[in-house]
N, C-alpha and C. Protein backbone atom coordinates (compact mmCIF):
# COMPACT_ATOMS: atom_id res chain seq x y z
N MET A 1 -4.32 -34.68 18.29
CA MET A 1 -3.56 -33.45 18.21
C MET A 1 -4.51 -32.27 18.39
N SER A 2 -4.18 -31.39 19.29
CA SER A 2 -5.08 -30.27 19.55
C SER A 2 -4.79 -29.11 18.61
N LYS A 3 -5.82 -28.36 18.36
CA LYS A 3 -5.71 -27.20 17.48
C LYS A 3 -5.42 -25.96 18.32
N LYS A 4 -4.37 -25.24 17.98
CA LYS A 4 -4.04 -24.02 18.71
C LYS A 4 -4.88 -22.87 18.15
N THR A 5 -5.43 -22.09 19.03
CA THR A 5 -6.26 -20.98 18.59
C THR A 5 -5.61 -19.66 18.99
N ARG A 6 -6.07 -18.60 18.39
CA ARG A 6 -5.54 -17.28 18.71
C ARG A 6 -5.86 -16.90 20.14
N SER A 7 -7.07 -17.24 20.59
CA SER A 7 -7.46 -16.86 21.94
C SER A 7 -6.67 -17.64 22.99
N LEU A 8 -6.31 -18.88 22.70
CA LEU A 8 -5.50 -19.65 23.63
C LEU A 8 -4.11 -19.04 23.75
N GLY A 9 -3.53 -18.64 22.63
CA GLY A 9 -2.23 -17.98 22.65
C GLY A 9 -2.28 -16.67 23.40
N ARG A 10 -3.35 -15.90 23.21
CA ARG A 10 -3.51 -14.64 23.92
C ARG A 10 -3.61 -14.88 25.41
N ASN A 11 -4.38 -15.90 25.81
CA ASN A 11 -4.51 -16.22 27.24
C ASN A 11 -3.18 -16.61 27.85
N LYS A 12 -2.37 -17.38 27.13
CA LYS A 12 -1.06 -17.78 27.65
C LYS A 12 -0.15 -16.57 27.80
N ARG A 13 -0.17 -15.66 26.82
CA ARG A 13 0.64 -14.44 26.92
C ARG A 13 0.19 -13.59 28.10
N HIS A 14 -1.14 -13.47 28.27
CA HIS A 14 -1.69 -12.65 29.34
C HIS A 14 -1.29 -13.21 30.71
N LEU A 15 -1.39 -14.50 30.91
CA LEU A 15 -1.02 -15.11 32.18
C LEU A 15 0.48 -14.96 32.46
N ARG A 16 1.30 -15.09 31.42
CA ARG A 16 2.74 -14.95 31.58
C ARG A 16 3.11 -13.53 32.03
N VAL A 17 2.44 -12.54 31.46
CA VAL A 17 2.72 -11.15 31.83
C VAL A 17 2.14 -10.82 33.20
N ARG A 18 0.97 -11.36 33.52
CA ARG A 18 0.30 -11.06 34.79
C ARG A 18 1.06 -11.60 36.00
N LYS A 19 1.95 -12.59 35.78
CA LYS A 19 2.75 -13.09 36.89
C LYS A 19 3.66 -11.99 37.43
N ARG A 20 4.10 -11.09 36.56
CA ARG A 20 5.04 -10.06 36.96
C ARG A 20 4.41 -8.68 37.11
N LEU A 21 3.18 -8.50 36.67
CA LEU A 21 2.56 -7.19 36.61
C LEU A 21 1.41 -7.10 37.61
N ALA A 22 1.46 -6.11 38.49
CA ALA A 22 0.38 -5.94 39.46
C ALA A 22 0.19 -4.45 39.73
N GLY A 23 -1.05 -4.07 40.02
CA GLY A 23 -1.36 -2.69 40.33
C GLY A 23 -1.43 -2.48 41.83
N THR A 24 -1.01 -1.31 42.27
CA THR A 24 -1.07 -0.96 43.69
C THR A 24 -2.04 0.20 43.86
N GLN A 25 -2.18 0.66 45.09
CA GLN A 25 -3.08 1.78 45.33
C GLN A 25 -2.50 3.06 44.72
N ASP A 26 -1.17 3.21 44.77
CA ASP A 26 -0.52 4.39 44.21
C ASP A 26 -0.45 4.33 42.69
N ARG A 27 -0.27 3.13 42.17
CA ARG A 27 -0.14 2.94 40.72
C ARG A 27 -1.00 1.75 40.28
N PRO A 28 -2.31 1.97 40.09
CA PRO A 28 -3.21 0.87 39.73
C PRO A 28 -2.99 0.37 38.30
N ARG A 29 -3.57 -0.77 38.01
CA ARG A 29 -3.41 -1.43 36.72
C ARG A 29 -4.60 -1.10 35.82
N VAL A 30 -4.31 -0.73 34.58
CA VAL A 30 -5.35 -0.54 33.57
C VAL A 30 -5.46 -1.84 32.79
N SER A 31 -6.59 -2.52 32.93
CA SER A 31 -6.82 -3.79 32.26
C SER A 31 -7.65 -3.55 31.01
N LEU A 32 -7.26 -4.19 29.91
CA LEU A 32 -7.92 -4.01 28.63
C LEU A 32 -8.47 -5.34 28.15
N PHE A 33 -9.70 -5.33 27.63
CA PHE A 33 -10.27 -6.51 26.99
C PHE A 33 -10.94 -6.07 25.70
N ARG A 34 -10.65 -6.81 24.63
CA ARG A 34 -11.26 -6.54 23.32
C ARG A 34 -12.17 -7.69 22.96
N SER A 35 -13.42 -7.39 22.68
CA SER A 35 -14.30 -8.40 22.10
C SER A 35 -14.35 -8.14 20.60
N ASN A 36 -15.19 -8.84 19.89
CA ASN A 36 -15.28 -8.63 18.45
C ASN A 36 -15.80 -7.24 18.11
N LYS A 37 -16.69 -6.69 18.94
CA LYS A 37 -17.31 -5.40 18.63
C LYS A 37 -16.93 -4.28 19.58
N ASN A 38 -16.53 -4.57 20.81
CA ASN A 38 -16.33 -3.54 21.81
C ASN A 38 -14.99 -3.68 22.52
N ILE A 39 -14.64 -2.61 23.24
CA ILE A 39 -13.43 -2.58 24.05
C ILE A 39 -13.83 -2.18 25.46
N TYR A 40 -13.25 -2.87 26.44
CA TYR A 40 -13.56 -2.61 27.85
C TYR A 40 -12.27 -2.28 28.59
N LEU A 41 -12.29 -1.22 29.40
CA LEU A 41 -11.13 -0.83 30.20
C LEU A 41 -11.53 -0.78 31.67
N GLN A 42 -10.63 -1.23 32.54
CA GLN A 42 -10.86 -1.18 33.97
C GLN A 42 -9.61 -0.68 34.66
N LEU A 43 -9.78 0.08 35.73
CA LEU A 43 -8.69 0.51 36.59
C LEU A 43 -8.78 -0.32 37.85
N ILE A 44 -7.76 -1.14 38.12
CA ILE A 44 -7.84 -2.14 39.18
C ILE A 44 -6.72 -1.95 40.20
N ASP A 45 -7.09 -1.98 41.49
CA ASP A 45 -6.13 -2.04 42.59
C ASP A 45 -6.02 -3.50 42.98
N ASP A 46 -4.90 -4.15 42.63
CA ASP A 46 -4.75 -5.58 42.86
C ASP A 46 -4.53 -5.93 44.33
N ASN A 47 -4.02 -5.00 45.12
CA ASN A 47 -3.83 -5.28 46.55
C ASN A 47 -5.16 -5.51 47.24
N GLU A 48 -6.15 -4.70 46.91
CA GLU A 48 -7.47 -4.82 47.53
C GLU A 48 -8.43 -5.63 46.68
N GLY A 49 -8.09 -5.87 45.43
CA GLY A 49 -8.97 -6.62 44.54
C GLY A 49 -10.21 -5.84 44.15
N LYS A 50 -10.06 -4.52 43.97
CA LYS A 50 -11.21 -3.67 43.66
C LYS A 50 -11.01 -2.96 42.33
N THR A 51 -12.12 -2.80 41.63
CA THR A 51 -12.14 -2.00 40.41
C THR A 51 -12.45 -0.57 40.79
N LEU A 52 -11.55 0.35 40.46
CA LEU A 52 -11.71 1.75 40.84
C LEU A 52 -12.51 2.54 39.81
N ALA A 53 -12.36 2.20 38.54
CA ALA A 53 -13.09 2.89 37.47
C ALA A 53 -13.16 1.97 36.26
N SER A 54 -14.16 2.20 35.43
CA SER A 54 -14.27 1.41 34.20
C SER A 54 -14.95 2.23 33.13
N VAL A 55 -14.68 1.86 31.89
CA VAL A 55 -15.30 2.50 30.74
C VAL A 55 -15.32 1.47 29.61
N SER A 56 -16.31 1.58 28.74
CA SER A 56 -16.38 0.66 27.60
C SER A 56 -16.93 1.39 26.39
N SER A 57 -16.81 0.76 25.25
CA SER A 57 -17.32 1.34 24.01
C SER A 57 -18.77 0.96 23.77
N LEU A 58 -19.42 0.34 24.72
CA LEU A 58 -20.82 -0.06 24.55
C LEU A 58 -21.74 1.14 24.35
N LYS A 59 -21.41 2.27 24.99
CA LYS A 59 -22.27 3.44 24.94
C LYS A 59 -22.12 4.25 23.65
N SER A 60 -21.08 3.96 22.87
CA SER A 60 -20.88 4.74 21.65
C SER A 60 -21.94 4.37 20.61
N ASP A 61 -22.28 5.34 19.78
CA ASP A 61 -23.32 5.15 18.78
C ASP A 61 -22.81 4.43 17.53
N ASN A 62 -21.49 4.35 17.38
CA ASN A 62 -20.92 3.73 16.19
C ASN A 62 -20.93 2.21 16.31
N ASN A 63 -21.14 1.56 15.18
CA ASN A 63 -21.13 0.10 15.17
C ASN A 63 -19.73 -0.47 15.13
N SER A 64 -18.78 0.27 14.54
CA SER A 64 -17.42 -0.25 14.42
C SER A 64 -16.50 0.50 15.38
N MET A 65 -15.48 -0.18 15.83
CA MET A 65 -14.52 0.41 16.76
C MET A 65 -13.19 0.53 16.02
N ASN A 66 -12.84 1.75 15.59
CA ASN A 66 -11.59 1.94 14.88
C ASN A 66 -10.57 2.63 15.79
N LYS A 67 -9.40 2.97 15.23
CA LYS A 67 -8.34 3.55 16.05
C LYS A 67 -8.71 4.92 16.60
N ASP A 68 -9.44 5.72 15.83
CA ASP A 68 -9.82 7.05 16.30
C ASP A 68 -10.76 6.95 17.50
N LEU A 69 -11.74 6.07 17.42
CA LEU A 69 -12.66 5.89 18.53
C LEU A 69 -11.95 5.27 19.74
N SER A 70 -10.96 4.42 19.48
CA SER A 70 -10.18 3.84 20.57
C SER A 70 -9.41 4.92 21.31
N LYS A 71 -8.86 5.87 20.55
CA LYS A 71 -8.11 6.96 21.18
C LYS A 71 -9.04 7.83 22.01
N LYS A 72 -10.25 8.11 21.50
CA LYS A 72 -11.23 8.89 22.26
C LYS A 72 -11.62 8.17 23.54
N LEU A 73 -11.75 6.85 23.46
CA LEU A 73 -12.07 6.05 24.64
C LEU A 73 -10.93 6.14 25.66
N GLY A 74 -9.68 6.12 25.18
CA GLY A 74 -8.53 6.27 26.07
C GLY A 74 -8.49 7.63 26.74
N VAL A 75 -8.81 8.69 25.99
CA VAL A 75 -8.84 10.04 26.57
C VAL A 75 -9.94 10.14 27.62
N GLU A 76 -11.11 9.60 27.31
CA GLU A 76 -12.22 9.61 28.26
C GLU A 76 -11.85 8.87 29.54
N PHE A 77 -11.18 7.73 29.39
CA PHE A 77 -10.77 6.95 30.56
C PHE A 77 -9.69 7.68 31.35
N GLY A 78 -8.77 8.33 30.64
CA GLY A 78 -7.72 9.10 31.31
C GLY A 78 -8.29 10.24 32.13
N GLU A 79 -9.32 10.91 31.62
CA GLU A 79 -9.96 11.99 32.37
C GLU A 79 -10.65 11.44 33.62
N LYS A 80 -11.25 10.26 33.47
CA LYS A 80 -11.91 9.62 34.61
C LYS A 80 -10.88 9.26 35.69
N ILE A 81 -9.71 8.79 35.25
CA ILE A 81 -8.64 8.43 36.18
C ILE A 81 -8.11 9.66 36.90
N SER A 82 -7.91 10.76 36.15
CA SER A 82 -7.35 11.96 36.77
C SER A 82 -8.31 12.58 37.78
N LYS A 83 -9.62 12.38 37.61
CA LYS A 83 -10.59 12.86 38.60
C LYS A 83 -10.43 12.12 39.93
N LEU A 84 -9.90 10.89 39.87
CA LEU A 84 -9.66 10.12 41.09
C LEU A 84 -8.35 10.54 41.77
N GLY A 85 -7.57 11.41 41.12
CA GLY A 85 -6.32 11.88 41.70
C GLY A 85 -5.15 10.95 41.44
N ILE A 86 -5.24 10.12 40.43
CA ILE A 86 -4.17 9.17 40.11
C ILE A 86 -3.36 9.72 38.95
N LYS A 87 -2.03 9.72 39.09
CA LYS A 87 -1.15 10.28 38.07
C LYS A 87 -0.42 9.21 37.26
N GLN A 88 -0.22 8.01 37.84
CA GLN A 88 0.53 6.95 37.17
C GLN A 88 -0.28 5.66 37.18
N VAL A 89 -0.20 4.91 36.09
CA VAL A 89 -0.87 3.61 36.00
C VAL A 89 0.08 2.59 35.36
N VAL A 90 -0.24 1.32 35.55
CA VAL A 90 0.43 0.22 34.87
C VAL A 90 -0.51 -0.25 33.78
N PHE A 91 -0.04 -0.33 32.54
CA PHE A 91 -0.89 -0.71 31.42
C PHE A 91 -0.79 -2.20 31.16
N ASP A 92 -1.89 -2.92 31.36
CA ASP A 92 -1.97 -4.36 31.10
C ASP A 92 -2.70 -4.54 29.77
N ARG A 93 -1.97 -4.88 28.73
CA ARG A 93 -2.56 -4.96 27.40
C ARG A 93 -3.35 -6.24 27.19
N GLY A 94 -3.42 -7.10 28.18
CA GLY A 94 -4.27 -8.28 28.12
C GLY A 94 -3.82 -9.34 27.13
N GLY A 95 -2.53 -9.40 26.83
CA GLY A 95 -2.04 -10.40 25.89
C GLY A 95 -2.15 -9.97 24.44
N TYR A 96 -2.76 -8.82 24.17
CA TYR A 96 -2.88 -8.32 22.80
C TYR A 96 -1.59 -7.63 22.40
N LEU A 97 -1.29 -7.59 21.11
CA LEU A 97 -0.11 -6.89 20.62
C LEU A 97 -0.28 -5.40 20.84
N TYR A 98 0.82 -4.74 21.20
CA TYR A 98 0.79 -3.29 21.40
C TYR A 98 0.85 -2.63 20.03
N HIS A 99 -0.30 -2.58 19.37
CA HIS A 99 -0.38 -2.10 18.00
C HIS A 99 -1.82 -1.73 17.71
N GLY A 100 -2.03 -0.76 16.85
CA GLY A 100 -3.39 -0.42 16.42
C GLY A 100 -4.24 0.15 17.53
N LYS A 101 -5.36 -0.50 17.82
CA LYS A 101 -6.33 0.00 18.80
C LYS A 101 -5.75 0.03 20.21
N VAL A 102 -4.94 -0.97 20.56
CA VAL A 102 -4.35 -1.04 21.90
C VAL A 102 -3.39 0.13 22.10
N ALA A 103 -2.55 0.40 21.11
CA ALA A 103 -1.62 1.53 21.20
C ALA A 103 -2.37 2.86 21.21
N ALA A 104 -3.47 2.95 20.46
CA ALA A 104 -4.26 4.19 20.42
C ALA A 104 -4.89 4.46 21.79
N ILE A 105 -5.34 3.43 22.47
CA ILE A 105 -5.91 3.60 23.81
C ILE A 105 -4.84 4.11 24.77
N ALA A 106 -3.65 3.52 24.73
CA ALA A 106 -2.55 3.96 25.60
C ALA A 106 -2.17 5.41 25.30
N ASP A 107 -2.14 5.78 24.02
CA ASP A 107 -1.83 7.16 23.64
C ASP A 107 -2.89 8.12 24.16
N GLY A 108 -4.15 7.72 24.09
CA GLY A 108 -5.24 8.55 24.60
C GLY A 108 -5.14 8.76 26.10
N ILE A 109 -4.76 7.72 26.82
CA ILE A 109 -4.59 7.85 28.27
C ILE A 109 -3.44 8.81 28.57
N ARG A 110 -2.34 8.70 27.80
CA ARG A 110 -1.20 9.61 27.99
C ARG A 110 -1.58 11.05 27.68
N GLU A 111 -2.41 11.26 26.65
CA GLU A 111 -2.81 12.62 26.27
C GLU A 111 -3.57 13.32 27.38
N SER A 112 -4.27 12.56 28.20
CA SER A 112 -5.04 13.19 29.27
C SER A 112 -4.19 13.43 30.52
N GLY A 113 -2.88 13.24 30.42
CA GLY A 113 -1.98 13.61 31.51
C GLY A 113 -1.62 12.49 32.46
N ILE A 114 -1.94 11.26 32.13
CA ILE A 114 -1.62 10.12 32.98
C ILE A 114 -0.33 9.48 32.47
N GLU A 115 0.58 9.16 33.39
CA GLU A 115 1.84 8.51 33.01
C GLU A 115 1.62 7.01 32.94
N VAL A 116 1.86 6.45 31.75
CA VAL A 116 1.67 5.01 31.54
C VAL A 116 3.02 4.34 31.48
């Protein structure tokens, strides 16, 4: 009997959502990944298979990543997106629940004027 893990469940949720969710050149996909210590965001054009922009919490001086820092990361990423001239994005939460840090990142992106 196999043991079900949280990461296996997250991967199954992510694959199920990714079947229906894709980014285009007009509306690219914001991909989110959470590790134990950091958060990574990428702006991806799935038609061309290219990453247009990325940001992570690796550069922050804080050891812990809380909701406030997640929101700042979302605002920083939203400003980076708006410099590229993109107004709308598709938010791919990566199989994580839309709660806490994930929701704070999406709110930060919205605050910078990007439609999610």
